[in-house]
Amino acid sequence: EGWEYPVAIQPHEYWQNKGYDDLAINNLKYGFFNGLKAAVSSLKHGVCDFITIGGIADHDEDLVPHWHALFRSFQHINPYGAGVKLNIQSIELNEEVMRHICSNLRRRNISQVIFFDNGFSNLRNAIIELGKALKSPNLKTVAWFQNPIESTGDMALFTRALSQSNAVDELTFRGNGNENAQALLSGVDFSTYKVLNFCDNNLQTNGRTDIPDLIAANP
């Protein structure tokens, strides 16, 4: 049967008139839109186990209908089996989009989520929504790459969010780039985790026992 992507994609000139240069338009066309079309098609036809959405783009209200096309297609995710892996990279997420992403993480059979090099219009609210998503019994693997959490308060919130999960057993938290990452070592019970990756966080022992204690507790 024939299938068409359900949302109209505006032409090159439309984005030019909005102030996008050729590089930004190509990133949208070959990154964001192509990734979305492939994901929506694969989900609808039941042949999808890995979704990558991104494209080095800022948030734009004209992208919201495309996000909603993706969210609607999540209803086709098989509620049984190993689950789908979701990778969100190099794109700014406003509060509405992040809320819908996390709502689907919580309700659908999504076993792995990767947030890589993203921007967040409201990082604190994004972490709150992520905390709700981490209560999913299906979500086993979380990766947070190069999304610096600079506020001590936001880092404490992120730590509490991880502590709310009973299912996650693999965590990658890389490239935070400041000492706030140290809070994870003493603020989260990692005794049930199988894999931990804290590279590129400038973690220092400085006489503290967080790291050797963590290693000893997870042989």
C-alpha atoms as a PDB file:
ATOM      1  CA  GLU A   1       0.000   0.000   0.000  1.00  0.00           C
ATOM      2  CA  GLY A   2       1.179   3.549  -0.653  1.00  0.00           C
ATOM      3  CA  TRP A   3       2.371   5.624   2.257  1.00  0.00           C
ATOM      4  CA  GLU A   4       2.966   9.346   2.530  1.00  0.00           C
ATOM      5  CA  TYR A   5       4.534  11.310   5.329  1.00  0.00           C
ATOM      6  CA  PRO A   6       1.522  12.999   6.983  1.00  0.00           C
ATOM      7  CA  VAL A   7       2.921  16.548   7.325  1.00  0.00           C
ATOM      8  CA  ALA A   8       3.825  18.937   4.527  1.00  0.00           C
ATOM      9  CA  ILE A   9       7.514  19.884   4.433  1.00  0.00           C
ATOM     10  CA  GLN A  10       8.026  23.508   3.483  1.00  0.00           C
ATOM     11  CA  PRO A  11      10.301  24.219   0.500  1.00  0.00           C
ATOM     12  CA  HIS A  12      13.800  25.639   0.636  1.00  0.00           C
ATOM     13  CA  GLU A  13      12.587  29.176  -0.075  1.00  0.00           C
ATOM     14  CA  TYR A  14      10.254  29.123   2.924  1.00  0.00           C
ATOM     15  CA  TRP A  15      13.132  28.586   5.316  1.00  0.00           C
ATOM     16  CA  GLN A  16      15.283  31.136   3.500  1.00  0.00           C
ATOM     17  CA  ASN A  17      12.564  33.717   4.020  1.00  0.00           C
ATOM     18  CA  LYS A  18      12.600  32.906   7.730  1.00  0.00           C
ATOM     19  CA  GLY A  19      16.313  33.726   7.866  1.00  0.00           C
ATOM     20  CA  TYR A  20      17.818  30.232   7.652  1.00  0.00           C
ATOM     21  CA  ASP A  21      21.063  29.961   5.675  1.00  0.00           C
ATOM     22  CA  ASP A  22      21.785  27.078   3.293  1.00  0.00           C
ATOM     23  CA  LEU A  23      23.674  25.050   5.900  1.00  0.00           C
ATOM     24  CA  ALA A  24      20.833  25.299   8.414  1.00  0.00           C
ATOM     25  CA  ILE A  25      18.288  24.346   5.746  1.00  0.00           C
ATOM     26  CA  ASN A  26      20.350  21.319   4.717  1.00  0.00           C
ATOM     27  CA  ASN A  27      20.620  20.270   8.362  1.00  0.00           C
ATOM     28  CA  LEU A  28      16.838  20.435   8.608  1.00  0.00           C
ATOM     29  CA  LYS A  29      16.269  18.635   5.310  1.00  0.00           C
ATOM     30  CA  TYR A  30      18.822  15.844   5.573  1.00  0.00           C
ATOM     31  CA  GLY A  31      18.907  15.546   9.347  1.00  0.00           C
ATOM     32  CA  PHE A  32      15.636  16.401  11.036  1.00  0.00           C
ATOM     33  CA  PHE A  33      13.068  15.799   8.275  1.00  0.00           C
ATOM     34  CA  ASN A  34      14.696  12.699   6.787  1.00  0.00           C
ATOM     35  CA  GLY A  35      15.105  11.190  10.236  1.00  0.00           C
ATOM     36  CA  LEU A  36      11.489  11.891  11.122  1.00  0.00           C
ATOM     37  CA  LYS A  37      10.129  10.495   7.860  1.00  0.00           C
ATOM     38  CA  ALA A  38      12.170   7.317   8.269  1.00  0.00           C
ATOM     39  CA  ALA A  39      11.078   6.893  11.897  1.00  0.00           C
ATOM     40  CA  VAL A  40       7.370   7.527  11.252  1.00  0.00           C
ATOM     41  CA  SER A  41       7.366   5.142   8.280  1.00  0.00           C
ATOM     42  CA  SER A  42       9.244   2.404  10.141  1.00  0.00           C
ATOM     43  CA  LEU A  43       7.008   2.685  13.196  1.00  0.00           C
ATOM     44  CA  LYS A  44       3.823   2.555  11.118  1.00  0.00           C
ATOM     45  CA  HIS A  45       5.024  -0.562   9.306  1.00  0.00           C
ATOM     46  CA  GLY A  46       6.219  -2.277  12.490  1.00  0.00           C
ATOM     47  CA  VAL A  47       9.865  -2.579  11.471  1.00  0.00           C
ATOM     48  CA  CYS A  48      11.500  -0.103  13.850  1.00  0.00           C
ATOM     49  CA  ASP A  49      13.834  -0.821  16.742  1.00  0.00           C
ATOM     50  CA  PHE A  50      16.029   2.323  16.686  1.00  0.00           C
ATOM     51  CA  ILE A  51      14.964   5.942  16.141  1.00  0.00           C
ATOM     52  CA  THR A  52      17.354   8.871  15.654  1.00  0.00           C
ATOM     53  CA  ILE A  53      15.969  12.403  15.557  1.00  0.00           C
ATOM     54  CA  GLY A  54      18.152  15.475  15.243  1.00  0.00           C
ATOM     55  CA  GLY A  55      19.674  17.846  12.777  1.00  0.00           C
ATOM     56  CA  ILE A  56      21.567  20.681  14.474  1.00  0.00           C
ATOM     57  CA  ALA A  57      18.504  22.889  14.711  1.00  0.00           C
ATOM     58  CA  ASP A  58      17.047  25.434  17.102  1.00  0.00           C
ATOM     59  CA  HIS A  59      13.456  25.103  18.167  1.00  0.00           C
ATOM     60  CA  ASP A  60      11.003  26.464  15.611  1.00  0.00           C
ATOM     61  CA  GLU A  61       7.213  26.384  15.920  1.00  0.00           C
ATOM     62  CA  ASP A  62       7.045  25.147  12.318  1.00  0.00           C
ATOM     63  CA  LEU A  63       8.736  21.935  13.477  1.00  0.00           C
ATOM     64  CA  VAL A  64       6.074  21.140  16.101  1.00  0.00           C
ATOM     65  CA  PRO A  65       3.628  19.425  13.672  1.00  0.00           C
ATOM     66  CA  HIS A  66       6.478  17.115  12.648  1.00  0.00           C
ATOM     67  CA  TRP A  67       7.210  16.250  16.266  1.00  0.00           C
ATOM     68  CA  HIS A  68       3.526  15.436  16.759  1.00  0.00           C
ATOM     69  CA  ALA A  69       3.590  13.145  13.716  1.00  0.00           C
ATOM     70  CA  LEU A  70       6.376  11.232  15.462  1.00  0.00           C
ATOM     71  CA  PHE A  71       4.526  11.141  18.778  1.00  0.00           C
ATOM     72  CA  ARG A  72       1.374   9.799  17.096  1.00  0.00           C
ATOM     73  CA  SER A  73       3.405   7.071  15.422  1.00  0.00           C
ATOM     74  CA  PHE A  74       4.661   5.871  18.818  1.00  0.00           C
ATOM     75  CA  GLN A  75       1.288   4.154  19.224  1.00  0.00           C
ATOM     76  CA  HIS A  76       2.601   1.503  16.807  1.00  0.00           C
ATOM     77  CA  ILE A  77       5.452   0.494  19.127  1.00  0.00           C
ATOM     78  CA  ASN A  78       5.086  -3.154  20.075  1.00  0.00           C
ATOM     79  CA  PRO A  79       4.240  -3.187  23.800  1.00  0.00           C
ATOM     80  CA  TYR A  80       6.080  -6.491  24.132  1.00  0.00           C
ATOM     81  CA  GLY A  81       9.593  -7.575  23.318  1.00  0.00           C
ATOM     82  CA  ALA A  82      12.911  -5.771  23.695  1.00  0.00           C
ATOM     83  CA  GLY A  83      11.578  -2.258  23.113  1.00  0.00           C
ATOM     84  CA  VAL A  84      12.651   0.632  20.899  1.00  0.00           C
ATOM     85  CA  LYS A  85      15.815   2.709  21.298  1.00  0.00           C
ATOM     86  CA  LEU A  86      15.354   6.482  20.965  1.00  0.00           C
ATOM     87  CA  ASN A  87      18.194   8.885  20.171  1.00  0.00           C
ATOM     88  CA  ILE A  88      17.539  12.655  20.314  1.00  0.00           C
ATOM     89  CA  GLN A  89      20.586  14.632  19.198  1.00  0.00           C
ATOM     90  CA  SER A  90      21.793  18.099  18.295  1.00  0.00           C
ATOM     91  CA  ILE A  91      18.447  19.851  18.461  1.00  0.00           C
ATOM     92  CA  GLU A  92      16.837  22.341  20.817  1.00  0.00           C
ATOM     93  CA  LEU A  93      13.840  21.005  22.745  1.00  0.00           C
ATOM     94  CA  ASN A  94      11.255  23.402  24.076  1.00  0.00           C
ATOM     95  CA  GLU A  95       9.083  22.566  27.084  1.00  0.00           C
ATOM     96  CA  GLU A  96       6.172  21.156  25.066  1.00  0.00           C
ATOM     97  CA  VAL A  97       8.320  18.843  22.930  1.00  0.00           C
ATOM     98  CA  MET A  98      10.326  17.603  25.918  1.00  0.00           C
ATOM     99  CA  ARG A  99       7.111  16.946  27.833  1.00  0.00           C
ATOM    100  CA  HIS A 100       5.734  14.822  24.977  1.00  0.00           C
ATOM    101  CA  ILE A 101       9.019  12.938  24.570  1.00  0.00           C
ATOM    102  CA  CYS A 102       9.066  12.047  28.256  1.00  0.00           C
ATOM    103  CA  SER A 103       5.365  11.188  28.311  1.00  0.00           C
ATOM    104  CA  ASN A 104       5.997   8.622  25.571  1.00  0.00           C
ATOM    105  CA  LEU A 105       9.073   7.328  27.372  1.00  0.00           C
ATOM    106  CA  ARG A 106       6.859   6.700  30.373  1.00  0.00           C
ATOM    107  CA  ARG A 107       3.944   5.086  28.505  1.00  0.00           C
ATOM    108  CA  ARG A 108       5.546   3.216  25.594  1.00  0.00           C
ATOM    109  CA  ASN A 109       7.876   0.271  25.327  1.00  0.00           C
ATOM    110  CA  ILE A 110      11.037   2.365  24.884  1.00  0.00           C
ATOM    111  CA  SER A 111      13.985   0.597  26.461  1.00  0.00           C
ATOM    112  CA  GLN A 112      16.781   3.102  25.780  1.00  0.00           C
ATOM    113  CA  VAL A 113      16.948   6.869  25.436  1.00  0.00           C
ATOM    114  CA  ILE A 114      19.907   9.011  24.426  1.00  0.00           C
ATOM    115  CA  PHE A 115      19.975  12.797  24.771  1.00  0.00           C
ATOM    116  CA  PHE A 116      23.088  13.988  22.939  1.00  0.00           C
ATOM    117  CA  ASP A 117      24.281  17.585  22.571  1.00  0.00           C
ATOM    118  CA  ASN A 118      20.828  19.103  22.961  1.00  0.00           C
ATOM    119  CA  GLY A 119      19.592  22.534  23.907  1.00  0.00           C
ATOM    120  CA  PHE A 120      16.699  22.954  26.317  1.00  0.00           C
ATOM    121  CA  SER A 121      14.550  26.053  26.505  1.00  0.00           C
ATOM    122  CA  ASN A 122      13.994  25.230  30.185  1.00  0.00           C
ATOM    123  CA  LEU A 123      16.543  22.755  31.520  1.00  0.00           C
ATOM    124  CA  ARG A 124      14.971  22.514  34.969  1.00  0.00           C
ATOM    125  CA  ASN A 125      11.574  21.551  33.552  1.00  0.00           C
ATOM    126  CA  ALA A 126      13.286  19.119  31.167  1.00  0.00           C
ATOM    127  CA  ILE A 127      14.870  17.343  34.138  1.00  0.00           C
ATOM    128  CA  ILE A 128      11.519  17.257  35.953  1.00  0.00           C
ATOM    129  CA  GLU A 129       9.887  15.627  32.921  1.00  0.00           C
ATOM    130  CA  LEU A 130      12.789  13.193  32.592  1.00  0.00           C
ATOM    131  CA  GLY A 131      12.273  12.221  36.230  1.00  0.00           C
ATOM    132  CA  LYS A 132       8.688  11.233  35.413  1.00  0.00           C
ATOM    133  CA  ALA A 133       9.875   9.222  32.394  1.00  0.00           C
ATOM    134  CA  LEU A 134      12.408   7.329  34.496  1.00  0.00           C
ATOM    135  CA  LYS A 135       9.544   5.698  36.388  1.00  0.00           C
ATOM    136  CA  SER A 136       8.793   3.587  33.294  1.00  0.00           C
ATOM    137  CA  PRO A 137       9.290  -0.138  33.949  1.00  0.00           C
ATOM    138  CA  ASN A 138      10.494  -0.532  30.346  1.00  0.00           C
ATOM    139  CA  LEU A 139      13.275   2.081  30.320  1.00  0.00           C
ATOM    140  CA  LYS A 140      16.545   0.289  31.068  1.00  0.00           C
ATOM    141  CA  THR A 141      19.247   2.505  29.558  1.00  0.00           C
ATOM    142  CA  VAL A 142      19.699   6.275  29.837  1.00  0.00           C
ATOM    143  CA  ALA A 143      22.460   8.292  28.172  1.00  0.00           C
ATOM    144  CA  TRP A 144      22.994  12.011  28.790  1.00  0.00           C
ATOM    145  CA  PHE A 145      25.821  13.244  26.539  1.00  0.00           C
ATOM    146  CA  GLN A 146      27.184  16.781  26.415  1.00  0.00           C
ATOM    147  CA  ASN A 147      24.161  18.425  27.995  1.00  0.00           C
ATOM    148  CA  PRO A 148      25.908  20.412  30.741  1.00  0.00           C
ATOM    149  CA  ILE A 149      24.005  20.892  33.987  1.00  0.00           C
ATOM    150  CA  GLU A 150      25.700  23.963  35.416  1.00  0.00           C
ATOM    151  CA  SER A 151      23.328  24.812  38.258  1.00  0.00           C
ATOM    152  CA  THR A 152      23.884  23.000  41.558  1.00  0.00           C
ATOM    153  CA  GLY A 153      20.123  22.985  42.095  1.00  0.00           C
ATOM    154  CA  ASP A 154      19.451  21.452  38.680  1.00  0.00           C
ATOM    155  CA  MET A 155      22.095  18.818  39.332  1.00  0.00           C
ATOM    156  CA  ALA A 156      20.430  17.926  42.622  1.00  0.00           C
ATOM    157  CA  LEU A 157      17.152  17.613  40.725  1.00  0.00           C
ATOM    158  CA  PHE A 158      18.784  15.334  38.144  1.00  0.00           C
ATOM    159  CA  THR A 159      20.198  13.183  40.943  1.00  0.00           C
ATOM    160  CA  ARG A 160      16.758  12.848  42.535  1.00  0.00           C
ATOM    161  CA  ALA A 161      15.283  11.951  39.132  1.00  0.00           C
ATOM    162  CA  LEU A 162      17.726   9.053  38.763  1.00  0.00           C
ATOM    163  CA  SER A 163      16.895   7.900  42.261  1.00  0.00           C
ATOM    164  CA  GLN A 164      13.214   7.570  41.301  1.00  0.00           C
ATOM    165  CA  SER A 165      13.882   4.831  38.760  1.00  0.00           C
ATOM    166  CA  ASN A 166      13.535   1.170  39.632  1.00  0.00           C
ATOM    167  CA  ALA A 167      14.237  -0.163  36.137  1.00  0.00           C
ATOM    168  CA  VAL A 168      17.253   1.749  34.756  1.00  0.00           C
ATOM    169  CA  ASP A 169      20.417  -0.304  35.112  1.00  0.00           C
ATOM    170  CA  GLU A 170      22.696   1.337  32.535  1.00  0.00           C
ATOM    171  CA  LEU A 171      23.656   5.004  32.788  1.00  0.00           C
ATOM    172  CA  THR A 172      25.944   7.108  30.633  1.00  0.00           C
ATOM    173  CA  PHE A 173      26.537  10.634  31.896  1.00  0.00           C
ATOM    174  CA  ARG A 174      29.333  12.179  29.837  1.00  0.00           C
ATOM    175  CA  GLY A 175      30.657  15.602  29.071  1.00  0.00           C
ATOM    176  CA  ASN A 176      29.024  17.581  31.854  1.00  0.00           C
ATOM    177  CA  GLY A 177      32.255  19.511  32.077  1.00  0.00           C
ATOM    178  CA  ASN A 178      32.021  20.780  35.632  1.00  0.00           C
ATOM    179  CA  GLU A 179      32.257  19.552  39.196  1.00  0.00           C
ATOM    180  CA  ASN A 180      28.486  19.177  39.581  1.00  0.00           C
ATOM    181  CA  ALA A 181      28.798  15.636  38.202  1.00  0.00           C
ATOM    182  CA  GLN A 182      30.420  14.696  41.517  1.00  0.00           C
ATOM    183  CA  ALA A 183      26.955  14.812  43.084  1.00  0.00           C
ATOM    184  CA  LEU A 184      25.944  11.679  41.185  1.00  0.00           C
ATOM    185  CA  LEU A 185      28.601   9.615  42.907  1.00  0.00           C
ATOM    186  CA  SER A 186      27.213  10.158  46.368  1.00  0.00           C
ATOM    187  CA  GLY A 187      23.592  10.999  45.576  1.00  0.00           C
ATOM    188  CA  VAL A 188      22.392   7.916  43.686  1.00  0.00           C
ATOM    189  CA  ASP A 189      22.298   4.262  44.735  1.00  0.00           C
ATOM    190  CA  PHE A 190      24.007   2.508  41.839  1.00  0.00           C
ATOM    191  CA  SER A 191      24.106  -0.903  43.530  1.00  0.00           C
ATOM    192  CA  THR A 192      21.698  -2.427  40.985  1.00  0.00           C
ATOM    193  CA  TYR A 193      23.308  -0.877  37.894  1.00  0.00           C
ATOM    194  CA  LYS A 194      25.117  -3.064  35.352  1.00  0.00           C
ATOM    195  CA  VAL A 195      26.886  -0.315  33.377  1.00  0.00           C
ATOM    196  CA  LEU A 196      28.061   3.163  34.427  1.00  0.00           C
ATOM    197  CA  ASN A 197      29.962   5.599  32.203  1.00  0.00           C
ATOM    198  CA  PHE A 198      31.055   8.928  33.708  1.00  0.00           C
ATOM    199  CA  CYS A 199      33.775   9.894  31.213  1.00  0.00           C
ATOM    200  CA  ASP A 200      34.686  13.526  30.494  1.00  0.00           C
ATOM    201  CA  ASN A 201      33.236  14.980  33.679  1.00  0.00           C
ATOM    202  CA  ASN A 202      36.443  16.182  35.338  1.00  0.00           C
ATOM    203  CA  LEU A 203      35.757  13.942  38.317  1.00  0.00           C
ATOM    204  CA  GLN A 204      38.385  14.227  41.032  1.00  0.00           C
ATOM    205  CA  THR A 205      38.960  12.124  44.115  1.00  0.00           C
ATOM    206  CA  ASN A 206      40.840  14.808  46.069  1.00  0.00           C
ATOM    207  CA  GLY A 207      40.859  12.542  49.083  1.00  0.00           C
ATOM    208  CA  ARG A 208      37.188  11.658  48.719  1.00  0.00           C
ATOM    209  CA  THR A 209      36.139   8.026  48.569  1.00  0.00           C
ATOM    210  CA  ASP A 210      33.102   8.342  46.261  1.00  0.00           C
ATOM    211  CA  ILE A 211      34.744   6.693  43.250  1.00  0.00           C
ATOM    212  CA  PRO A 212      36.537   3.816  45.034  1.00  0.00           C
ATOM    213  CA  ASP A 213      33.407   3.226  47.125  1.00  0.00           C
ATOM    214  CA  LEU A 214      31.308   3.040  43.961  1.00  0.00           C
ATOM    215  CA  ILE A 215      33.732   0.592  42.367  1.00  0.00           C
ATOM    216  CA  ALA A 216      33.847  -1.555  45.485  1.00  0.00           C
ATOM    217  CA  ALA A 217      30.045  -1.659  45.673  1.00  0.00           C
ATOM    218  CA  ASN A 218      29.768  -2.667  42.008  1.00  0.00           C
ATOM    219  CA  PRO A 219      32.472  -5.256  41.380  1.00  0.00           C
END
